[in-house]
PDB file of N, CA and C in Angstrom:
ATOM      1  N   MET A   1      18.683 -14.625 -69.880  1.00  0.00           N
ATOM      2  CA  MET A   1      19.579 -13.848 -69.077  1.00  0.00           C
ATOM      3  C   MET A   1      19.638 -12.445 -69.659  1.00  0.00           C
ATOM      4  N   LEU A   2      19.650 -11.457 -68.784  1.00  0.00           N
ATOM      5  CA  LEU A   2      19.699 -10.057 -69.188  1.00  0.00           C
ATOM      6  C   LEU A   2      20.838  -9.382 -68.449  1.00  0.00           C
ATOM      7  N   LEU A   3      21.782  -8.812 -69.182  1.00  0.00           N
ATOM      8  CA  LEU A   3      22.855  -8.036 -68.567  1.00  0.00           C
ATOM      9  C   LEU A   3      22.309  -6.640 -68.335  1.00  0.00           C
ATOM     10  N   GLN A   4      22.157  -6.282 -67.069  1.00  0.00           N
ATOM     11  CA  GLN A   4      21.466  -5.051 -66.679  1.00  0.00           C
ATOM     12  C   GLN A   4      22.447  -4.014 -66.181  1.00  0.00           C
ATOM     13  N   ASP A   5      22.364  -2.800 -66.761  1.00  0.00           N
ATOM     14  CA  ASP A   5      23.154  -1.683 -66.255  1.00  0.00           C
ATOM     15  C   ASP A   5      22.712  -1.352 -64.837  1.00  0.00           C
ATOM     16  N   ASP A   6      23.664  -0.890 -64.041  1.00  0.00           N
ATOM     17  CA  ASP A   6      23.409  -0.586 -62.634  1.00  0.00           C
ATOM     18  C   ASP A   6      23.009   0.879 -62.473  1.00  0.00           C
ATOM     19  N   ASP A   7      21.862   1.238 -63.078  1.00  0.00           N
ATOM     20  CA  ASP A   7      21.327   2.586 -62.942  1.00  0.00           C
ATOM     21  C   ASP A   7      19.817   2.539 -63.135  1.00  0.00           C
ATOM     22  N   GLU A   8      19.183   3.683 -63.028  1.00  0.00           N
ATOM     23  CA  GLU A   8      17.720   3.732 -63.121  1.00  0.00           C
ATOM     24  C   GLU A   8      17.233   3.268 -64.499  1.00  0.00           C
ATOM     25  N   ALA A   9      17.922   3.692 -65.545  1.00  0.00           N
ATOM     26  CA  ALA A   9      17.517   3.281 -66.892  1.00  0.00           C
ATOM     27  C   ALA A   9      17.644   1.766 -67.071  1.00  0.00           C
ATOM     28  N   GLY A  10      18.705   1.183 -66.536  1.00  0.00           N
ATOM     29  CA  GLY A  10      18.878  -0.264 -66.618  1.00  0.00           C
ATOM     30  C   GLY A  10      17.793  -1.012 -65.874  1.00  0.00           C
ATOM     31  N   GLU A  11      17.399  -0.469 -64.731  1.00  0.00           N
ATOM     32  CA  GLU A  11      16.325  -1.087 -63.951  1.00  0.00           C
ATOM     33  C   GLU A  11      15.005  -1.012 -64.705  1.00  0.00           C
ATOM     34  N   LYS A  12      14.735   0.134 -65.336  1.00  0.00           N
ATOM     35  CA  LYS A  12      13.499   0.292 -66.110  1.00  0.00           C
ATOM     36  C   LYS A  12      13.470  -0.678 -67.287  1.00  0.00           C
ATOM     37  N   MET A  13      14.616  -0.829 -67.967  1.00  0.00           N
ATOM     38  CA  MET A  13      14.670  -1.749 -69.095  1.00  0.00           C
ATOM     39  C   MET A  13      14.424  -3.183 -68.629  1.00  0.00           C
ATOM     40  N   ALA A  14      15.056  -3.577 -67.537  1.00  0.00           N
ATOM     41  CA  ALA A  14      14.874  -4.939 -67.028  1.00  0.00           C
ATOM     42  C   ALA A  14      13.429  -5.180 -66.625  1.00  0.00           C
ATOM     43  N   THR A  15      12.806  -4.173 -66.038  1.00  0.00           N
ATOM     44  CA  THR A  15      11.401  -4.306 -65.645  1.00  0.00           C
ATOM     45  C   THR A  15      10.517  -4.448 -66.874  1.00  0.00           C
ATOM     46  N   ALA A  16      10.763  -3.615 -67.887  1.00  0.00           N
ATOM     47  CA  ALA A  16       9.946  -3.667 -69.107  1.00  0.00           C
ATOM     48  C   ALA A  16      10.114  -4.999 -69.835  1.00  0.00           C
ATOM     49  N   LEU A  17      11.341  -5.474 -69.942  1.00  0.00           N
ATOM     50  CA  LEU A  17      11.577  -6.750 -70.614  1.00  0.00           C
ATOM     51  C   LEU A  17      11.127  -7.923 -69.759  1.00  0.00           C
ATOM     52  N   GLY A  18      11.183  -7.736 -68.467  1.00  0.00           N
ATOM     53  CA  GLY A  18      10.847  -8.812 -67.550  1.00  0.00           C
ATOM     54  C   GLY A  18       9.379  -9.176 -67.516  1.00  0.00           C
ATOM     55  N   LYS A  19       8.523  -8.236 -67.842  1.00  0.00           N
ATOM     56  CA  LYS A  19       7.087  -8.526 -67.792  1.00  0.00           C
ATOM     57  C   LYS A  19       6.700  -9.677 -68.717  1.00  0.00           C
ATOM     58  N   PRO A  20       7.022  -9.609 -70.011  1.00  0.00           N
ATOM     59  CA  PRO A  20       6.619 -10.732 -70.870  1.00  0.00           C
ATOM     60  C   PRO A  20       7.502 -11.969 -70.714  1.00  0.00           C
ATOM     61  N   LEU A  21       8.688 -11.804 -70.158  1.00  0.00           N
ATOM     62  CA  LEU A  21       9.629 -12.924 -70.048  1.00  0.00           C
ATOM     63  C   LEU A  21       9.863 -13.357 -68.607  1.00  0.00           C
ATOM     64  N   ARG A  22       8.996 -12.948 -67.718  1.00  0.00           N
ATOM     65  CA  ARG A  22       9.178 -13.105 -66.274  1.00  0.00           C
ATOM     66  C   ARG A  22       9.725 -14.465 -65.847  1.00  0.00           C
ATOM     67  N   SER A  23       9.177 -15.540 -66.341  1.00  0.00           N
ATOM     68  CA  SER A  23       9.593 -16.851 -65.858  1.00  0.00           C
ATOM     69  C   SER A  23      10.923 -17.307 -66.460  1.00  0.00           C
ATOM     70  N   ASN A  24      11.353 -16.680 -67.544  1.00  0.00           N
ATOM     71  CA  ASN A  24      12.575 -17.115 -68.216  1.00  0.00           C
ATOM     72  C   ASN A  24      13.722 -16.114 -68.134  1.00  0.00           C
ATOM     73  N   LEU A  25      13.538 -15.006 -67.458  1.00  0.00           N
ATOM     74  CA  LEU A  25      14.542 -13.948 -67.449  1.00  0.00           C
ATOM     75  C   LEU A  25      15.290 -13.913 -66.126  1.00  0.00           C
ATOM     76  N   ARG A  26      16.595 -13.902 -66.214  1.00  0.00           N
ATOM     77  CA  ARG A  26      17.419 -13.790 -65.018  1.00  0.00           C
ATOM     78  C   ARG A  26      18.368 -12.608 -65.215  1.00  0.00           C
ATOM     79  N   PRO A  27      18.162 -11.505 -64.484  1.00  0.00           N
ATOM     80  CA  PRO A  27      19.033 -10.344 -64.661  1.00  0.00           C
ATOM     81  C   PRO A  27      20.404 -10.555 -64.007  1.00  0.00           C
ATOM     82  N   VAL A  28      21.433 -10.066 -64.687  1.00  0.00           N
ATOM     83  CA  VAL A  28      22.784 -10.024 -64.156  1.00  0.00           C
ATOM     84  C   VAL A  28      23.133  -8.547 -64.065  1.00  0.00           C
ATOM     85  N   ILE A  29      23.172  -8.006 -62.859  1.00  0.00           N
ATOM     86  CA  ILE A  29      23.374  -6.572 -62.664  1.00  0.00           C
ATOM     87  C   ILE A  29      24.864  -6.255 -62.655  1.00  0.00           C
ATOM     88  N   MET A  30      25.246  -5.295 -63.474  1.00  0.00           N
ATOM     89  CA  MET A  30      26.624  -4.840 -63.542  1.00  0.00           C
ATOM     90  C   MET A  30      26.851  -3.823 -62.430  1.00  0.00           C
ATOM     91  N   ASN A  31      27.309  -4.258 -61.298  1.00  0.00           N
ATOM     92  CA  ASN A  31      27.506  -3.389 -60.146  1.00  0.00           C
ATOM     93  C   ASN A  31      28.466  -2.251 -60.461  1.00  0.00           C
ATOM     94  N   GLY A  32      28.020  -1.030 -60.201  1.00  0.00           N
ATOM     95  CA  GLY A  32      28.869   0.139 -60.355  1.00  0.00           C
ATOM     96  C   GLY A  32      28.993   0.680 -61.767  1.00  0.00           C
ATOM     97  N   GLY A  33      28.159   0.264 -62.680  1.00  0.00           N
ATOM     98  CA  GLY A  33      28.257   0.801 -64.034  1.00  0.00           C
ATOM     99  C   GLY A  33      27.395   0.074 -65.017  1.00  0.00           C
ATOM    100  N   ASP A  34      27.852   0.096 -66.263  1.00  0.00           N
ATOM    101  CA  ASP A  34      27.090  -0.576 -67.308  1.00  0.00           C
ATOM    102  C   ASP A  34      27.904  -1.718 -67.895  1.00  0.00           C
ATOM    103  N   VAL A  35      27.290  -2.449 -68.778  1.00  0.00           N
ATOM    104  CA  VAL A  35      27.915  -3.643 -69.354  1.00  0.00           C
ATOM    105  C   VAL A  35      29.185  -3.265 -70.104  1.00  0.00           C
ATOM    106  N   ASN A  36      29.123  -2.219 -70.903  1.00  0.00           N
ATOM    107  CA  ASN A  36      30.282  -1.827 -71.695  1.00  0.00           C
ATOM    108  C   ASN A  36      31.453  -1.411 -70.811  1.00  0.00           C
ATOM    109  N   SER A  37      31.211  -0.595 -69.784  1.00  0.00           N
ATOM    110  CA  SER A  37      32.318  -0.173 -68.920  1.00  0.00           C
ATOM    111  C   SER A  37      32.888  -1.362 -68.153  1.00  0.00           C
ATOM    112  N   PHE A  38      32.044  -2.304 -67.738  1.00  0.00           N
ATOM    113  CA  PHE A  38      32.539  -3.504 -67.071  1.00  0.00           C
ATOM    114  C   PHE A  38      33.458  -4.275 -68.012  1.00  0.00           C
ATOM    115  N   PHE A  39      33.032  -4.438 -69.258  1.00  0.00           N
ATOM    116  CA  PHE A  39      33.835  -5.157 -70.249  1.00  0.00           C
ATOM    117  C   PHE A  39      35.150  -4.426 -70.508  1.00  0.00           C
ATOM    118  N   GLN A  40      35.092  -3.116 -70.678  1.00  0.00           N
ATOM    119  CA  GLN A  40      36.301  -2.333 -70.962  1.00  0.00           C
ATOM    120  C   GLN A  40      37.305  -2.402 -69.809  1.00  0.00           C
ATOM    121  N   GLU A  41      36.814  -2.366 -68.587  1.00  0.00           N
ATOM    122  CA  GLU A  41      37.691  -2.363 -67.411  1.00  0.00           C
ATOM    123  C   GLU A  41      38.189  -3.750 -67.030  1.00  0.00           C
ATOM    124  N   ASN A  42      37.376  -4.779 -67.282  1.00  0.00           N
ATOM    125  CA  ASN A  42      37.696  -6.113 -66.772  1.00  0.00           C
ATOM    126  C   ASN A  42      37.966  -7.170 -67.832  1.00  0.00           C
ATOM    127  N   GLY A  43      37.521  -6.932 -69.045  1.00  0.00           N
ATOM    128  CA  GLY A  43      37.786  -7.865 -70.134  1.00  0.00           C
ATOM    129  C   GLY A  43      36.726  -8.935 -70.322  1.00  0.00           C
ATOM    130  N   ARG A  44      36.932  -9.675 -71.395  1.00  0.00           N
ATOM    131  CA  ARG A  44      35.986 -10.691 -71.828  1.00  0.00           C
ATOM    132  C   ARG A  44      35.813 -11.814 -70.806  1.00  0.00           C
ATOM    133  N   GLU A  45      36.905 -12.296 -70.279  1.00  0.00           N
ATOM    134  CA  GLU A  45      36.818 -13.423 -69.349  1.00  0.00           C
ATOM    135  C   GLU A  45      36.098 -13.047 -68.056  1.00  0.00           C
ATOM    136  N   ALA A  46      36.298 -11.824 -67.567  1.00  0.00           N
ATOM    137  CA  ALA A  46      35.604 -11.385 -66.355  1.00  0.00           C
ATOM    138  C   ALA A  46      34.107 -11.279 -66.601  1.00  0.00           C
ATOM    139  N   LEU A  47      33.730 -10.764 -67.776  1.00  0.00           N
ATOM    140  CA  LEU A  47      32.306 -10.672 -68.108  1.00  0.00           C
ATOM    141  C   LEU A  47      31.713 -12.071 -68.239  1.00  0.00           C
ATOM    142  N   ARG A  48      32.424 -12.926 -68.910  1.00  0.00           N
ATOM    143  CA  ARG A  48      31.983 -14.313 -69.041  1.00  0.00           C
ATOM    144  C   ARG A  48      31.818 -14.970 -67.662  1.00  0.00           C
ATOM    145  N   GLY A  49      32.778 -14.736 -66.769  1.00  0.00           N
ATOM    146  CA  GLY A  49      32.704 -15.293 -65.418  1.00  0.00           C
ATOM    147  C   GLY A  49      31.511 -14.761 -64.643  1.00  0.00           C
ATOM    148  N   LYS A  50      31.208 -13.473 -64.815  1.00  0.00           N
ATOM    149  CA  LYS A  50      30.062 -12.881 -64.132  1.00  0.00           C
ATOM    150  C   LYS A  50      28.757 -13.521 -64.604  1.00  0.00           C
ATOM    151  N   VAL A  51      28.655 -13.758 -65.901  1.00  0.00           N
ATOM    152  CA  VAL A  51      27.458 -14.368 -66.470  1.00  0.00           C
ATOM    153  C   VAL A  51      27.325 -15.818 -65.971  1.00  0.00           C
ATOM    154  N   ILE A  52      28.412 -16.543 -66.005  1.00  0.00           N
ATOM    155  CA  ILE A  52      28.372 -17.944 -65.568  1.00  0.00           C
ATOM    156  C   ILE A  52      28.020 -18.049 -64.090  1.00  0.00           C
ATOM    157  N   ALA A  53      28.521 -17.125 -63.273  1.00  0.00           N
ATOM    158  CA  ALA A  53      28.282 -17.166 -61.839  1.00  0.00           C
ATOM    159  C   ALA A  53      26.843 -16.820 -61.462  1.00  0.00           C
ATOM    160  N   ALA A  54      26.145 -16.149 -62.377  1.00  0.00           N
ATOM    161  CA  ALA A  54      24.775 -15.687 -62.060  1.00  0.00           C
ATOM    162  C   ALA A  54      23.779 -16.809 -62.032  1.00  0.00           C
TER     163      ALA A  54
END
């Protein structure tokens, strides 16, 4: 699982990491921002819920 920032840089990182891990990688896109801002705004349980729901 890869927590992916919702921007061009996050997409590039997911693509680069996804090539060697293609069959085992599942991206979780942080809609409207990055992982840190999602965590800061929503907390640990919301981030955990997002990961579990993916």
